[in-house]
Amino acid sequence: CQECHECDGEGIVFWNTDKHRYEAECAE
């Protein structure tokens, strides 16, 4: 296998809005 390019191997992805920071399981 190889490290997931979508989450950099973390298994979790993060994104921000103007007010909040969110995280979710990487779908890739």
mmCIF file of all heavy atoms, coordinates in Angstrom:
data_MODEL
# 
_entry.id   MODEL 
# 
loop_
_atom_site.group_PDB 
_atom_site.id 
_atom_site.type_symbol 
_atom_site.label_atom_id 
_atom_site.label_alt_id 
_atom_site.label_comp_id 
_atom_site.label_asym_id 
_atom_site.label_entity_id 
_atom_site.label_seq_id 
_atom_site.pdbx_PDB_ins_code 
_atom_site.Cartn_x 
_atom_site.Cartn_y 
_atom_site.Cartn_z 
_atom_site.occupancy 
_atom_site.B_iso_or_equiv 
_atom_site.pdbx_formal_charge 
_atom_site.auth_seq_id 
_atom_site.auth_comp_id 
_atom_site.auth_asym_id 
_atom_site.auth_atom_id 
_atom_site.pdbx_PDB_model_num 
ATOM 1   N N   . CYS A 1 1  ? 0.833   -1.184 0.000  1.00 0.00 ? 1  CYS A N   1 
ATOM 2   C CA  . CYS A 1 1  ? 0.000   0.000  0.000  1.00 0.00 ? 1  CYS A CA  1 
ATOM 3   C C   . CYS A 1 1  ? 0.877   1.246  0.000  1.00 0.00 ? 1  CYS A C   1 
ATOM 4   O O   . CYS A 1 1  ? 2.106   1.157  0.066  1.00 0.00 ? 1  CYS A O   1 
ATOM 5   C CB  . CYS A 1 1  ? -0.933  -0.002 1.211  1.00 0.00 ? 1  CYS A CB  1 
ATOM 6   S SG  . CYS A 1 1  ? -0.049  -0.060 2.783  1.00 0.00 ? 1  CYS A SG  1 
ATOM 7   N N   . GLN A 1 2  ? 0.229   2.375  -0.046 1.00 0.00 ? 2  GLN A N   1 
ATOM 8   C CA  . GLN A 1 2  ? 0.935   3.646  -0.001 1.00 0.00 ? 2  GLN A CA  1 
ATOM 9   C C   . GLN A 1 2  ? 0.117   4.627  0.821  1.00 0.00 ? 2  GLN A C   1 
ATOM 10  O O   . GLN A 1 2  ? -1.085  4.442  1.024  1.00 0.00 ? 2  GLN A O   1 
ATOM 11  C CB  . GLN A 1 2  ? 1.155   4.192  -1.403 1.00 0.00 ? 2  GLN A CB  1 
ATOM 12  C CG  . GLN A 1 2  ? -0.117  4.385  -2.209 1.00 0.00 ? 2  GLN A CG  1 
ATOM 13  C CD  . GLN A 1 2  ? 0.150   4.751  -3.641 1.00 0.00 ? 2  GLN A CD  1 
ATOM 14  O OE1 . GLN A 1 2  ? 0.976   5.608  -3.919 1.00 0.00 ? 2  GLN A OE1 1 
ATOM 15  N NE2 . GLN A 1 2  ? -0.529  4.102  -4.577 1.00 0.00 ? 2  GLN A NE2 1 
ATOM 16  N N   . GLU A 1 3  ? 0.779   5.645  1.307  1.00 0.00 ? 3  GLU A N   1 
ATOM 17  C CA  . GLU A 1 3  ? 0.102   6.649  2.118  1.00 0.00 ? 3  GLU A CA  1 
ATOM 18  C C   . GLU A 1 3  ? -0.966  7.355  1.295  1.00 0.00 ? 3  GLU A C   1 
ATOM 19  O O   . GLU A 1 3  ? -0.744  7.712  0.142  1.00 0.00 ? 3  GLU A O   1 
ATOM 20  C CB  . GLU A 1 3  ? 1.127   7.665  2.629  1.00 0.00 ? 3  GLU A CB  1 
ATOM 21  C CG  . GLU A 1 3  ? 0.583   8.641  3.638  1.00 0.00 ? 3  GLU A CG  1 
ATOM 22  C CD  . GLU A 1 3  ? 1.645   9.566  4.185  1.00 0.00 ? 3  GLU A CD  1 
ATOM 23  O OE1 . GLU A 1 3  ? 2.301   9.199  5.179  1.00 0.00 ? 3  GLU A OE1 1 
ATOM 24  O OE2 . GLU A 1 3  ? 1.840   10.646 3.595  1.00 0.00 ? 3  GLU A OE2 1 
ATOM 25  N N   . CYS A 1 4  ? -2.123  7.518  1.879  1.00 0.00 ? 4  CYS A N   1 
ATOM 26  C CA  . CYS A 1 4  ? -3.229  8.160  1.183  1.00 0.00 ? 4  CYS A CA  1 
ATOM 27  C C   . CYS A 1 4  ? -2.887  9.617  0.877  1.00 0.00 ? 4  CYS A C   1 
ATOM 28  O O   . CYS A 1 4  ? -2.512  10.380 1.776  1.00 0.00 ? 4  CYS A O   1 
ATOM 29  C CB  . CYS A 1 4  ? -4.503  8.079  2.035  1.00 0.00 ? 4  CYS A CB  1 
ATOM 30  S SG  . CYS A 1 4  ? -5.927  8.916  1.302  1.00 0.00 ? 4  CYS A SG  1 
ATOM 31  N N   . HIS A 1 5  ? -3.013  10.016 -0.383 1.00 0.00 ? 5  HIS A N   1 
ATOM 32  C CA  . HIS A 1 5  ? -2.667  11.376 -0.798 1.00 0.00 ? 5  HIS A CA  1 
ATOM 33  C C   . HIS A 1 5  ? -3.723  12.391 -0.376 1.00 0.00 ? 5  HIS A C   1 
ATOM 34  O O   . HIS A 1 5  ? -3.450  13.593 -0.289 1.00 0.00 ? 5  HIS A O   1 
ATOM 35  C CB  . HIS A 1 5  ? -2.495  11.423 -2.320 1.00 0.00 ? 5  HIS A CB  1 
ATOM 36  C CG  . HIS A 1 5  ? -3.669  10.888 -3.076 1.00 0.00 ? 5  HIS A CG  1 
ATOM 37  N ND1 . HIS A 1 5  ? -4.806  11.614 -3.299 1.00 0.00 ? 5  HIS A ND1 1 
ATOM 38  C CD2 . HIS A 1 5  ? -3.880  9.664  -3.635 1.00 0.00 ? 5  HIS A CD2 1 
ATOM 39  C CE1 . HIS A 1 5  ? -5.670  10.888 -3.982 1.00 0.00 ? 5  HIS A CE1 1 
ATOM 40  N NE2 . HIS A 1 5  ? -5.157  9.695  -4.204 1.00 0.00 ? 5  HIS A NE2 1 
ATOM 41  N N   . GLU A 1 6  ? -4.933  11.904 -0.096 1.00 0.00 ? 6  GLU A N   1 
ATOM 42  C CA  . GLU A 1 6  ? -6.020  12.814 0.252  1.00 0.00 ? 6  GLU A CA  1 
ATOM 43  C C   . GLU A 1 6  ? -5.894  13.319 1.691  1.00 0.00 ? 6  GLU A C   1 
ATOM 44  O O   . GLU A 1 6  ? -6.200  14.478 1.983  1.00 0.00 ? 6  GLU A O   1 
ATOM 45  C CB  . GLU A 1 6  ? -7.364  12.108 0.070  1.00 0.00 ? 6  GLU A CB  1 
ATOM 46  C CG  . GLU A 1 6  ? -8.568  13.001 0.235  1.00 0.00 ? 6  GLU A CG  1 
ATOM 47  C CD  . GLU A 1 6  ? -8.726  13.995 -0.908 1.00 0.00 ? 6  GLU A CD  1 
ATOM 48  O OE1 . GLU A 1 6  ? -8.198  13.746 -2.014 1.00 0.00 ? 6  GLU A OE1 1 
ATOM 49  O OE2 . GLU A 1 6  ? -9.390  15.021 -0.680 1.00 0.00 ? 6  GLU A OE2 1 
ATOM 50  N N   . CYS A 1 7  ? -5.435  12.450 2.585  1.00 0.00 ? 7  CYS A N   1 
ATOM 51  C CA  . CYS A 1 7  ? -5.342  12.820 4.011  1.00 0.00 ? 7  CYS A CA  1 
ATOM 52  C C   . CYS A 1 7  ? -3.913  12.773 4.538  1.00 0.00 ? 7  CYS A C   1 
ATOM 53  O O   . CYS A 1 7  ? -3.693  12.917 5.742  1.00 0.00 ? 7  CYS A O   1 
ATOM 54  C CB  . CYS A 1 7  ? -6.227  11.909 4.861  1.00 0.00 ? 7  CYS A CB  1 
ATOM 55  S SG  . CYS A 1 7  ? -5.718  10.168 4.839  1.00 0.00 ? 7  CYS A SG  1 
ATOM 56  N N   . ASP A 1 8  ? -2.949  12.528 3.649  1.00 0.00 ? 8  ASP A N   1 
ATOM 57  C CA  . ASP A 1 8  ? -1.527  12.434 4.039  1.00 0.00 ? 8  ASP A CA  1 
ATOM 58  C C   . ASP A 1 8  ? -1.294  11.372 5.099  1.00 0.00 ? 8  ASP A C   1 
ATOM 59  O O   . ASP A 1 8  ? -0.477  11.544 6.009  1.00 0.00 ? 8  ASP A O   1 
ATOM 60  C CB  . ASP A 1 8  ? -1.008  13.793 4.538  1.00 0.00 ? 8  ASP A CB  1 
ATOM 61  C CG  . ASP A 1 8  ? -0.999  14.843 3.435  1.00 0.00 ? 8  ASP A CG  1 
ATOM 62  O OD1 . ASP A 1 8  ? -0.758  14.474 2.276  1.00 0.00 ? 8  ASP A OD1 1 
ATOM 63  O OD2 . ASP A 1 8  ? -1.244  16.026 3.743  1.00 0.00 ? 8  ASP A OD2 1 
ATOM 64  N N   . GLY A 1 9  ? -2.051  10.272 5.004  1.00 0.00 ? 9  GLY A N   1 
ATOM 65  C CA  . GLY A 1 9  ? -1.846  9.162  5.922  1.00 0.00 ? 9  GLY A CA  1 
ATOM 66  C C   . GLY A 1 9  ? -2.491  9.318  7.280  1.00 0.00 ? 9  GLY A C   1 
ATOM 67  O O   . GLY A 1 9  ? -2.337  8.465  8.152  1.00 0.00 ? 9  GLY A O   1 
ATOM 68  N N   . GLU A 1 10 ? -3.243  10.395 7.493  1.00 0.00 ? 10 GLU A N   1 
ATOM 69  C CA  . GLU A 1 10 ? -3.862  10.640 8.793  1.00 0.00 ? 10 GLU A CA  1 
ATOM 70  C C   . GLU A 1 10 ? -5.155  9.856  8.982  1.00 0.00 ? 10 GLU A C   1 
ATOM 71  O O   . GLU A 1 10 ? -5.577  9.592  10.109 1.00 0.00 ? 10 GLU A O   1 
ATOM 72  C CB  . GLU A 1 10 ? -4.150  12.137 8.965  1.00 0.00 ? 10 GLU A CB  1 
ATOM 73  C CG  . GLU A 1 10 ? -2.914  13.005 9.072  1.00 0.00 ? 10 GLU A CG  1 
ATOM 74  C CD  . GLU A 1 10 ? -2.136  12.731 10.330 1.00 0.00 ? 10 GLU A CD  1 
ATOM 75  O OE1 . GLU A 1 10 ? -2.754  12.457 11.379 1.00 0.00 ? 10 GLU A OE1 1 
ATOM 76  O OE2 . GLU A 1 10 ? -0.891  12.775 10.274 1.00 0.00 ? 10 GLU A OE2 1 
ATOM 77  N N   . GLY A 1 11 ? -5.827  9.523  7.880  1.00 0.00 ? 11 GLY A N   1 
ATOM 78  C CA  . GLY A 1 11 ? -7.113  8.850  7.988  1.00 0.00 ? 11 GLY A CA  1 
ATOM 79  C C   . GLY A 1 11 ? -8.259  9.807  8.243  1.00 0.00 ? 11 GLY A C   1 
ATOM 80  O O   . GLY A 1 11 ? -9.420  9.421  8.278  1.00 0.00 ? 11 GLY A O   1 
ATOM 81  N N   . ILE A 1 12 ? -7.936  11.079 8.438  1.00 0.00 ? 12 ILE A N   1 
ATOM 82  C CA  . ILE A 1 12 ? -8.920  12.119 8.731  1.00 0.00 ? 12 ILE A CA  1 
ATOM 83  C C   . ILE A 1 12 ? -8.621  13.327 7.848  1.00 0.00 ? 12 ILE A C   1 
ATOM 84  O O   . ILE A 1 12 ? -7.459  13.673 7.641  1.00 0.00 ? 12 ILE A O   1 
ATOM 85  C CB  . ILE A 1 12 ? -8.878  12.539 10.217 1.00 0.00 ? 12 ILE A CB  1 
ATOM 86  C CG1 . ILE A 1 12 ? -9.213  11.350 11.119 1.00 0.00 ? 12 ILE A CG1 1 
ATOM 87  C CG2 . ILE A 1 12 ? -9.833  13.692 10.494 1.00 0.00 ? 12 ILE A CG2 1 
ATOM 88  C CD1 . ILE A 1 12 ? -9.048  11.657 12.588 1.00 0.00 ? 12 ILE A CD1 1 
ATOM 89  N N   . VAL A 1 13 ? -9.653  13.953 7.336  1.00 0.00 ? 13 VAL A N   1 
ATOM 90  C CA  . VAL A 1 13 ? -9.485  15.193 6.581  1.00 0.00 ? 13 VAL A CA  1 
ATOM 91  C C   . VAL A 1 13 ? -10.087 16.347 7.378  1.00 0.00 ? 13 VAL A C   1 
ATOM 92  O O   . VAL A 1 13 ? -11.030 16.159 8.165  1.00 0.00 ? 13 VAL A O   1 
ATOM 93  C CB  . VAL A 1 13 ? -10.147 15.099 5.187  1.00 0.00 ? 13 VAL A CB  1 
ATOM 94  C CG1 . VAL A 1 13 ? -9.409  14.104 4.316  1.00 0.00 ? 13 VAL A CG1 1 
ATOM 95  C CG2 . VAL A 1 13 ? -11.619 14.697 5.301  1.00 0.00 ? 13 VAL A CG2 1 
ATOM 96  N N   . PHE A 1 14 ? -9.519  17.527 7.186  1.00 0.00 ? 14 PHE A N   1 
ATOM 97  C CA  . PHE A 1 14 ? -9.948  18.710 7.922  1.00 0.00 ? 14 PHE A CA  1 
ATOM 98  C C   . PHE A 1 14 ? -10.316 19.820 6.939  1.00 0.00 ? 14 PHE A C   1 
ATOM 99  O O   . PHE A 1 14 ? -9.750  19.915 5.851  1.00 0.00 ? 14 PHE A O   1 
ATOM 100 C CB  . PHE A 1 14 ? -8.818  19.214 8.829  1.00 0.00 ? 14 PHE A CB  1 
ATOM 101 C CG  . PHE A 1 14 ? -8.292  18.187 9.795  1.00 0.00 ? 14 PHE A CG  1 
ATOM 102 C CD1 . PHE A 1 14 ? -7.246  17.342 9.428  1.00 0.00 ? 14 PHE A CD1 1 
ATOM 103 C CD2 . PHE A 1 14 ? -8.831  18.060 11.062 1.00 0.00 ? 14 PHE A CD2 1 
ATOM 104 C CE1 . PHE A 1 14 ? -6.754  16.396 10.306 1.00 0.00 ? 14 PHE A CE1 1 
ATOM 105 C CE2 . PHE A 1 14 ? -8.346  17.116 11.953 1.00 0.00 ? 14 PHE A CE2 1 
ATOM 106 C CZ  . PHE A 1 14 ? -7.312  16.288 11.573 1.00 0.00 ? 14 PHE A CZ  1 
ATOM 107 N N   . TRP A 1 15 ? -11.263 20.649 7.315  1.00 0.00 ? 15 TRP A N   1 
ATOM 108 C CA  . TRP A 1 15 ? -11.554 21.844 6.533  1.00 0.00 ? 15 TRP A CA  1 
ATOM 109 C C   . TRP A 1 15 ? -12.124 22.918 7.465  1.00 0.00 ? 15 TRP A C   1 
ATOM 110 O O   . TRP A 1 15 ? -12.645 22.631 8.543  1.00 0.00 ? 15 TRP A O   1 
ATOM 111 C CB  . TRP A 1 15 ? -12.507 21.536 5.388  1.00 0.00 ? 15 TRP A CB  1 
ATOM 112 C CG  . TRP A 1 15 ? -13.918 21.215 5.774  1.00 0.00 ? 15 TRP A CG  1 
ATOM 113 C CD1 . TRP A 1 15 ? -14.968 22.076 5.825  1.00 0.00 ? 15 TRP A CD1 1 
ATOM 114 C CD2 . TRP A 1 15 ? -14.434 19.928 6.158  1.00 0.00 ? 15 TRP A CD2 1 
ATOM 115 N NE1 . TRP A 1 15 ? -16.102 21.411 6.218  1.00 0.00 ? 15 TRP A NE1 1 
ATOM 116 C CE2 . TRP A 1 15 ? -15.806 20.098 6.412  1.00 0.00 ? 15 TRP A CE2 1 
ATOM 117 C CE3 . TRP A 1 15 ? -13.856 18.651 6.298  1.00 0.00 ? 15 TRP A CE3 1 
ATOM 118 C CZ2 . TRP A 1 15 ? -16.614 19.038 6.827  1.00 0.00 ? 15 TRP A CZ2 1 
ATOM 119 C CZ3 . TRP A 1 15 ? -14.653 17.609 6.689  1.00 0.00 ? 15 TRP A CZ3 1 
ATOM 120 C CH2 . TRP A 1 15 ? -16.021 17.789 6.948  1.00 0.00 ? 15 TRP A CH2 1 
ATOM 121 N N   . ASN A 1 16 ? -11.963 24.147 7.034  1.00 0.00 ? 16 ASN A N   1 
ATOM 122 C CA  . ASN A 1 16 ? -12.371 25.292 7.848  1.00 0.00 ? 16 ASN A CA  1 
ATOM 123 C C   . ASN A 1 16 ? -13.431 26.109 7.137  1.00 0.00 ? 16 ASN A C   1 
ATOM 124 O O   . ASN A 1 16 ? -13.459 26.200 5.900  1.00 0.00 ? 16 ASN A O   1 
ATOM 125 C CB  . ASN A 1 16 ? -11.171 26.197 8.149  1.00 0.00 ? 16 ASN A CB  1 
ATOM 126 C CG  . ASN A 1 16 ? -10.103 25.486 8.942  1.00 0.00 ? 16 ASN A CG  1 
ATOM 127 O OD1 . ASN A 1 16 ? -10.398 24.836 9.927  1.00 0.00 ? 16 ASN A OD1 1 
ATOM 128 N ND2 . ASN A 1 16 ? -8.856  25.602 8.498  1.00 0.00 ? 16 ASN A ND2 1 
ATOM 129 N N   . THR A 1 17 ? -14.312 26.695 7.926  1.00 0.00 ? 17 THR A N   1 
ATOM 130 C CA  . THR A 1 17 ? -15.228 27.716 7.431  1.00 0.00 ? 17 THR A CA  1 
ATOM 131 C C   . THR A 1 17 ? -14.851 29.029 8.105  1.00 0.00 ? 17 THR A C   1 
ATOM 132 O O   . THR A 1 17 ? -13.849 29.099 8.827  1.00 0.00 ? 17 THR A O   1 
ATOM 133 C CB  . THR A 1 17 ? -16.684 27.342 7.760  1.00 0.00 ? 17 THR A CB  1 
ATOM 134 O OG1 . THR A 1 17 ? -16.866 27.355 9.189  1.00 0.00 ? 17 THR A OG1 1 
ATOM 135 C CG2 . THR A 1 17 ? -17.032 25.974 7.216  1.00 0.00 ? 17 THR A CG2 1 
ATOM 136 N N   . ASP A 1 18 ? -15.610 30.026 7.899  1.00 0.00 ? 18 ASP A N   1 
ATOM 137 C CA  . ASP A 1 18 ? -15.299 31.316 8.524  1.00 0.00 ? 18 ASP A CA  1 
ATOM 138 C C   . ASP A 1 18 ? -15.342 31.242 10.044 1.00 0.00 ? 18 ASP A C   1 
ATOM 139 O O   . ASP A 1 18 ? -14.645 31.994 10.735 1.00 0.00 ? 18 ASP A O   1 
ATOM 140 C CB  . ASP A 1 18 ? -16.282 32.392 8.046  1.00 0.00 ? 18 ASP A CB  1 
ATOM 141 C CG  . ASP A 1 18 ? -16.098 32.727 6.573  1.00 0.00 ? 18 ASP A CG  1 
ATOM 142 O OD1 . ASP A 1 18 ? -14.996 32.439 6.056  1.00 0.00 ? 18 ASP A OD1 1 
ATOM 143 O OD2 . ASP A 1 18 ? -17.044 33.250 5.957  1.00 0.00 ? 18 ASP A OD2 1 
ATOM 144 N N   . LYS A 1 19 ? -16.157 30.311 10.566 1.00 0.00 ? 19 LYS A N   1 
ATOM 145 C CA  . LYS A 1 19 ? -16.340 30.277 12.018 1.00 0.00 ? 19 LYS A CA  1 
ATOM 146 C C   . LYS A 1 19 ? -15.882 28.979 12.672 1.00 0.00 ? 19 LYS A C   1 
ATOM 147 O O   . LYS A 1 19 ? -15.609 28.955 13.867 1.00 0.00 ? 19 LYS A O   1 
ATOM 148 C CB  . LYS A 1 19 ? -17.828 30.498 12.352 1.00 0.00 ? 19 LYS A CB  1 
ATOM 149 C CG  . LYS A 1 19 ? -18.340 31.867 11.957 1.00 0.00 ? 19 LYS A CG  1 
ATOM 150 C CD  . LYS A 1 19 ? -19.793 32.030 12.375 1.00 0.00 ? 19 LYS A CD  1 
ATOM 151 C CE  . LYS A 1 19 ? -20.307 33.427 12.006 1.00 0.00 ? 19 LYS A CE  1 
ATOM 152 N NZ  . LYS A 1 19 ? -21.735 33.601 12.404 1.00 0.00 ? 19 LYS A NZ  1 
ATOM 153 N N   . HIS A 1 20 ? -15.811 27.892 11.914 1.00 0.00 ? 20 HIS A N   1 
ATOM 154 C CA  . HIS A 1 20 ? -15.560 26.606 12.550 1.00 0.00 ? 20 HIS A CA  1 
ATOM 155 C C   . HIS A 1 20 ? -14.515 25.796 11.782 1.00 0.00 ? 20 HIS A C   1 
ATOM 156 O O   . HIS A 1 20 ? -14.258 26.038 10.597 1.00 0.00 ? 20 HIS A O   1 
ATOM 157 C CB  . HIS A 1 20 ? -16.854 25.789 12.651 1.00 0.00 ? 20 HIS A CB  1 
ATOM 158 C CG  . HIS A 1 20 ? -17.940 26.465 13.423 1.00 0.00 ? 20 HIS A CG  1 
ATOM 159 N ND1 . HIS A 1 20 ? -17.922 26.576 14.798 1.00 0.00 ? 20 HIS A ND1 1 
ATOM 160 C CD2 . HIS A 1 20 ? -19.081 27.084 13.003 1.00 0.00 ? 20 HIS A CD2 1 
ATOM 161 C CE1 . HIS A 1 20 ? -19.000 27.213 15.193 1.00 0.00 ? 20 HIS A CE1 1 
ATOM 162 N NE2 . HIS A 1 20 ? -19.717 27.538 14.133 1.00 0.00 ? 20 HIS A NE2 1 
ATOM 163 N N   . ARG A 1 21 ? -13.946 24.815 12.506 1.00 0.00 ? 21 ARG A N   1 
ATOM 164 C CA  . ARG A 1 21 ? -13.029 23.848 11.906 1.00 0.00 ? 21 ARG A CA  1 
ATOM 165 C C   . ARG A 1 21 ? -13.681 22.471 12.015 1.00 0.00 ? 21 ARG A C   1 
ATOM 166 O O   . ARG A 1 21 ? -14.177 22.096 13.084 1.00 0.00 ? 21 ARG A O   1 
ATOM 167 C CB  . ARG A 1 21 ? -11.679 23.839 12.640 1.00 0.00 ? 21 ARG A CB  1 
ATOM 168 C CG  . ARG A 1 21 ? -10.686 22.798 12.106 1.00 0.00 ? 21 ARG A CG  1 
ATOM 169 C CD  . ARG A 1 21 ? -9.352  22.945 12.825 1.00 0.00 ? 21 ARG A CD  1 
ATOM 170 N NE  . ARG A 1 21 ? -8.423  21.870 12.524 1.00 0.00 ? 21 ARG A NE  1 
ATOM 171 C CZ  . ARG A 1 21 ? -7.659  21.813 11.448 1.00 0.00 ? 21 ARG A CZ  1 
ATOM 172 N NH1 . ARG A 1 21 ? -7.709  22.793 10.562 1.00 0.00 ? 21 ARG A NH1 1 
ATOM 173 N NH2 . ARG A 1 21 ? -6.821  20.810 11.251 1.00 0.00 ? 21 ARG A NH2 1 
ATOM 174 N N   . TYR A 1 22 ? -13.695 21.711 10.939 1.00 0.00 ? 22 TYR A N   1 
ATOM 175 C CA  . TYR A 1 22 ? -14.356 20.420 10.921 1.00 0.00 ? 22 TYR A CA  1 
ATOM 176 C C   . TYR A 1 22 ? -13.367 19.314 10.566 1.00 0.00 ? 22 TYR A C   1 
ATOM 177 O O   . TYR A 1 22 ? -12.315 19.563 9.969  1.00 0.00 ? 22 TYR A O   1 
ATOM 178 C CB  . TYR A 1 22 ? -15.490 20.413 9.885  1.00 0.00 ? 22 TYR A CB  1 
ATOM 179 C CG  . TYR A 1 22 ? -16.594 21.406 10.180 1.00 0.00 ? 22 TYR A CG  1 
ATOM 180 C CD1 . TYR A 1 22 ? -16.541 22.692 9.648  1.00 0.00 ? 22 TYR A CD1 1 
ATOM 181 C CD2 . TYR A 1 22 ? -17.675 21.055 10.977 1.00 0.00 ? 22 TYR A CD2 1 
ATOM 182 C CE1 . TYR A 1 22 ? -17.547 23.602 9.909  1.00 0.00 ? 22 TYR A CE1 1 
ATOM 183 C CE2 . TYR A 1 22 ? -18.690 21.955 11.242 1.00 0.00 ? 22 TYR A CE2 1 
ATOM 184 C CZ  . TYR A 1 22 ? -18.631 23.237 10.703 1.00 0.00 ? 22 TYR A CZ  1 
ATOM 185 O OH  . TYR A 1 22 ? -19.629 24.131 10.963 1.00 0.00 ? 22 TYR A OH  1 
ATOM 186 N N   . GLU A 1 23 ? -13.726 18.099 10.946 1.00 0.00 ? 23 GLU A N   1 
ATOM 187 C CA  . GLU A 1 23 ? -12.936 16.938 10.555 1.00 0.00 ? 23 GLU A CA  1 
ATOM 188 C C   . GLU A 1 23 ? -13.878 15.776 10.282 1.00 0.00 ? 23 GLU A C   1 
ATOM 189 O O   . GLU A 1 23 ? -14.977 15.710 10.823 1.00 0.00 ? 23 GLU A O   1 
ATOM 190 C CB  . GLU A 1 23 ? -11.929 16.552 11.637 1.00 0.00 ? 23 GLU A CB  1 
ATOM 191 C CG  . GLU A 1 23 ? -12.545 16.079 12.945 1.00 0.00 ? 23 GLU A CG  1 
ATOM 192 C CD  . GLU A 1 23 ? -11.483 15.676 13.953 1.00 0.00 ? 23 GLU A CD  1 
ATOM 193 O OE1 . GLU A 1 23 ? -10.721 16.553 14.383 1.00 0.00 ? 23 GLU A OE1 1 
ATOM 194 O OE2 . GLU A 1 23 ? -11.441 14.464 14.291 1.00 0.00 ? 23 GLU A OE2 1 
ATOM 195 N N   . ALA A 1 24 ? -13.424 14.869 9.416  1.00 0.00 ? 24 ALA A N   1 
ATOM 196 C CA  . ALA A 1 24 ? -14.241 13.706 9.064  1.00 0.00 ? 24 ALA A CA  1 
ATOM 197 C C   . ALA A 1 24 ? -13.332 12.589 8.584  1.00 0.00 ? 24 ALA A C   1 
ATOM 198 O O   . ALA A 1 24 ? -12.173 12.821 8.195  1.00 0.00 ? 24 ALA A O   1 
ATOM 199 C CB  . ALA A 1 24 ? -15.255 14.063 7.980  1.00 0.00 ? 24 ALA A CB  1 
ATOM 200 N N   . GLU A 1 25 ? -13.859 11.368 8.628  1.00 0.00 ? 25 GLU A N   1 
ATOM 201 C CA  . GLU A 1 25 ? -13.104 10.227 8.118  1.00 0.00 ? 25 GLU A CA  1 
ATOM 202 C C   . GLU A 1 25 ? -12.842 10.416 6.636  1.00 0.00 ? 25 GLU A C   1 
ATOM 203 O O   . GLU A 1 25 ? -13.728 10.825 5.888  1.00 0.00 ? 25 GLU A O   1 
ATOM 204 C CB  . GLU A 1 25 ? -13.885 8.942  8.358  1.00 0.00 ? 25 GLU A CB  1 
ATOM 205 C CG  . GLU A 1 25 ? -13.206 7.689  7.848  1.00 0.00 ? 25 GLU A CG  1 
ATOM 206 C CD  . GLU A 1 25 ? -14.038 6.441  8.080  1.00 0.00 ? 25 GLU A CD  1 
ATOM 207 O OE1 . GLU A 1 25 ? -14.007 5.936  9.220  1.00 0.00 ? 25 GLU A OE1 1 
ATOM 208 O OE2 . GLU A 1 25 ? -14.722 5.995  7.147  1.00 0.00 ? 25 GLU A OE2 1 
ATOM 209 N N   . CYS A 1 26 ? -11.614 10.131 6.225  1.00 0.00 ? 26 CYS A N   1 
ATOM 210 C CA  . CYS A 1 26 ? -11.242 10.277 4.821  1.00 0.00 ? 26 CYS A CA  1 
ATOM 211 C C   . CYS A 1 26 ? -12.017 9.277  3.969  1.00 0.00 ? 26 CYS A C   1 
ATOM 212 O O   . CYS A 1 26 ? -11.991 8.069  4.228  1.00 0.00 ? 26 CYS A O   1 
ATOM 213 C CB  . CYS A 1 26 ? -9.742  10.059 4.648  1.00 0.00 ? 26 CYS A CB  1 
ATOM 214 S SG  . CYS A 1 26 ? -9.176  10.162 2.929  1.00 0.00 ? 26 CYS A SG  1 
ATOM 215 N N   . ALA A 1 27 ? -12.701 9.776  2.953  1.00 0.00 ? 27 ALA A N   1 
ATOM 216 C CA  . ALA A 1 27 ? -13.501 8.910  2.083  1.00 0.00 ? 27 ALA A CA  1 
ATOM 217 C C   . ALA A 1 27 ? -12.633 8.138  1.095  1.00 0.00 ? 27 ALA A C   1 
ATOM 218 O O   . ALA A 1 27 ? -13.064 7.131  0.546  1.00 0.00 ? 27 ALA A O   1 
ATOM 219 C CB  . ALA A 1 27 ? -14.527 9.755  1.326  1.00 0.00 ? 27 ALA A CB  1 
ATOM 220 N N   . GLU A 1 28 ? -11.417 8.602  0.877  1.00 0.00 ? 28 GLU A N   1 
ATOM 221 C CA  . GLU A 1 28 ? -10.535 7.943  -0.078 1.00 0.00 ? 28 GLU A CA  1 
ATOM 222 C C   . GLU A 1 28 ? -9.967  6.644  0.486  1.00 0.00 ? 28 GLU A C   1 
ATOM 223 O O   . GLU A 1 28 ? -9.882  5.629  -0.203 1.00 0.00 ? 28 GLU A O   1 
ATOM 224 C CB  . GLU A 1 28 ? -9.384  8.882  -0.459 1.00 0.00 ? 28 GLU A CB  1 
ATOM 225 C CG  . GLU A 1 28 ? -8.421  8.337  -1.492 1.00 0.00 ? 28 GLU A CG  1 
ATOM 226 C CD  . GLU A 1 28 ? -9.015  8.284  -2.887 1.00 0.00 ? 28 GLU A CD  1 
ATOM 227 O OE1 . GLU A 1 28 ? -10.042 8.971  -3.127 1.00 0.00 ? 28 GLU A OE1 1 
ATOM 228 O OE2 . GLU A 1 28 ? -8.469  7.572  -3.740 1.00 0.00 ? 28 GLU A OE2 1 
# 
